[in-house]
Amino acid sequence: MKLHADRIEGQNTIARHGPDGVIVNGVEHRTSVLVPASGNVSEWPVANFGALTEAHFETIAALAPELVVFGSGPRIRFPHPSLLKPLIARRIGVETMDTAAACRTYNVLLAEGRAVIAALLFEDRPD
């Protein structure tokens, strides 16, 4: 789905998303990815939902966002609360939704000037 958002210099806007990845600032990402409001967009080394660990959320917490929008893949799946300890300990909010909804929500929060990060899960598919 193509999203229409005004591009603000220095912000990471999600321009398009689909089941196989996202386009952020004109760059396609086909694996799980962390999209902060500004700064570097980076690969998030999570192959599938079952592989999530507390360390994956520690990586996000270290970026010190105000809010995390977690896209859990093609359907909504909630990570076990024990995995979210790094976010909870730093009082960082987290919202879980399917990845498509997470992309849309991230752009809305970005437009509001929020310190948000999208943690988007794109699961490996067998060939």
Protein backbone atom coordinates (compact mmCIF):
# COMPACT_ATOMS: atom_id res chain seq x y z
CA MET A 1 0.00 0.00 0.00
CA LYS A 2 1.31 3.44 -0.88
CA LEU A 3 1.13 5.97 1.92
CA HIS A 4 0.99 9.69 1.25
CA ALA A 5 2.82 11.64 3.88
CA ASP A 6 4.54 14.96 3.63
CA ARG A 7 8.26 14.34 3.79
CA ILE A 8 9.91 16.48 6.43
CA GLU A 9 13.66 16.79 6.13
CA GLY A 10 15.45 14.64 8.67
CA GLN A 11 12.49 12.35 9.35
CA ASN A 12 12.15 8.72 8.29
CA THR A 13 8.83 8.47 6.49
CA ILE A 14 7.39 5.13 5.42
CA ALA A 15 6.29 5.69 1.83
CA ARG A 16 5.07 2.19 0.99
CA HIS A 17 4.52 -1.12 2.73
CA GLY A 18 3.54 -4.62 1.76
CA PRO A 19 3.85 -8.19 2.99
CA ASP A 20 7.48 -8.37 1.88
CA GLY A 21 8.86 -5.08 3.18
CA VAL A 22 8.73 -1.30 3.36
CA ILE A 23 10.17 1.68 1.56
CA VAL A 24 11.57 4.33 3.88
CA ASN A 25 12.97 7.53 2.37
CA GLY A 26 13.16 5.82 -1.02
CA VAL A 27 15.10 2.80 0.27
CA GLU A 28 13.50 -0.65 0.22
CA HIS A 29 13.84 -2.90 3.29
CA ARG A 30 12.81 -6.55 2.86
CA THR A 31 13.78 -7.87 6.30
CA SER A 32 12.68 -6.91 9.80
CA VAL A 33 13.63 -3.30 10.38
CA LEU A 34 13.77 -0.54 13.00
CA VAL A 35 12.54 2.81 11.74
CA PRO A 36 13.21 5.66 14.20
CA ALA A 37 11.63 9.08 13.71
CA SER A 38 15.07 10.36 12.68
CA GLY A 39 18.52 8.88 12.34
CA ASN A 40 19.56 5.60 10.82
CA VAL A 41 17.04 3.01 9.71
CA SER A 42 18.54 -0.36 10.60
CA GLU A 43 17.99 -4.05 10.10
CA TRP A 44 16.38 -5.72 13.12
CA PRO A 45 17.78 -9.26 13.21
CA VAL A 46 14.53 -11.09 13.94
CA ALA A 47 13.73 -13.95 11.53
CA ASN A 48 10.24 -14.66 12.89
CA PHE A 49 7.90 -13.92 15.77
CA GLY A 50 8.98 -17.01 17.71
CA ALA A 51 12.60 -15.86 17.61
CA LEU A 52 11.93 -12.63 19.55
CA THR A 53 13.99 -12.24 22.71
CA GLU A 54 14.37 -9.63 25.41
CA ALA A 55 17.61 -8.56 23.69
CA HIS A 56 15.66 -7.52 20.59
CA PHE A 57 13.64 -5.10 22.70
CA GLU A 58 16.78 -3.96 24.55
CA THR A 59 18.12 -2.78 21.17
CA ILE A 60 15.01 -0.64 20.78
CA ALA A 61 15.13 0.67 24.35
CA ALA A 62 18.73 1.81 23.84
CA LEU A 63 17.45 4.20 21.14
CA ALA A 64 15.32 5.93 23.84
CA PRO A 65 12.07 6.51 21.95
CA GLU A 66 8.96 7.83 23.65
CA LEU A 67 6.84 5.15 22.02
CA VAL A 68 7.39 1.90 20.08
CA VAL A 69 4.96 0.77 17.42
CA PHE A 70 5.58 -2.97 17.07
CA GLY A 71 4.39 -4.50 13.80
CA SER A 72 4.06 -8.22 14.55
CA GLY A 73 3.77 -9.43 10.96
CA PRO A 74 0.70 -10.10 8.82
CA ARG A 75 -1.50 -10.60 11.89
CA ILE A 76 -1.49 -9.15 15.37
CA ARG A 77 0.48 -11.19 17.90
CA PHE A 78 1.49 -9.90 21.30
CA PRO A 79 5.01 -10.57 22.60
CA HIS A 80 5.21 -12.10 26.06
CA PRO A 81 5.45 -9.32 28.67
CA SER A 82 8.81 -10.68 29.87
CA LEU A 83 10.30 -9.74 26.48
CA LEU A 84 9.23 -6.13 26.97
CA LYS A 85 11.13 -5.64 30.26
CA PRO A 86 13.74 -3.29 28.72
CA LEU A 87 10.97 -0.98 27.48
CA ILE A 88 8.93 -1.18 30.69
CA ALA A 89 12.00 -0.45 32.83
CA ARG A 90 12.61 2.77 30.88
CA ARG A 91 8.92 3.72 30.84
CA ILE A 92 8.77 3.48 27.04
CA GLY A 93 5.28 2.87 25.69
CA VAL A 94 4.68 0.04 23.25
CA GLU A 95 1.73 -0.58 20.97
CA THR A 96 1.38 -3.88 19.13
CA MET A 97 -0.48 -4.26 15.84
CA ASP A 98 -0.07 -6.02 12.52
CA THR A 99 2.77 -4.60 10.43
CA ALA A 100 0.54 -2.80 7.92
CA ALA A 101 -1.30 -0.97 10.72
CA ALA A 102 2.02 -0.24 12.43
CA CYS A 103 3.33 1.49 9.28
CA ARG A 104 0.26 3.71 9.05
CA THR A 105 0.25 4.50 12.78
CA TYR A 106 3.97 5.28 12.76
CA ASN A 107 3.49 7.91 10.02
CA VAL A 108 0.63 9.55 11.93
CA LEU A 109 2.70 9.73 15.12
CA LEU A 110 5.69 11.01 13.15
CA ALA A 111 3.55 13.81 11.68
CA GLU A 112 2.53 14.73 15.24
CA GLY A 113 6.20 15.18 16.13
CA ARG A 114 6.35 12.20 18.47
CA ALA A 115 9.64 10.44 19.31
CA VAL A 116 8.43 7.15 17.86
CA ILE A 117 10.15 4.08 16.47
CA ALA A 118 8.57 1.41 14.31
CA ALA A 119 9.82 -2.12 14.96
CA LEU A 120 8.55 -3.98 11.91
CA LEU A 121 8.64 -7.76 11.66
CA PHE A 122 8.94 -9.31 8.19
CA GLU A 123 9.27 -13.03 8.64
CA ASP A 124 11.54 -15.18 6.53
CA ARG A 125 9.59 -17.21 4.01
CA PRO A 126 10.78 -20.53 2.65
CA ASP A 127 11.60 -20.37 -1.06
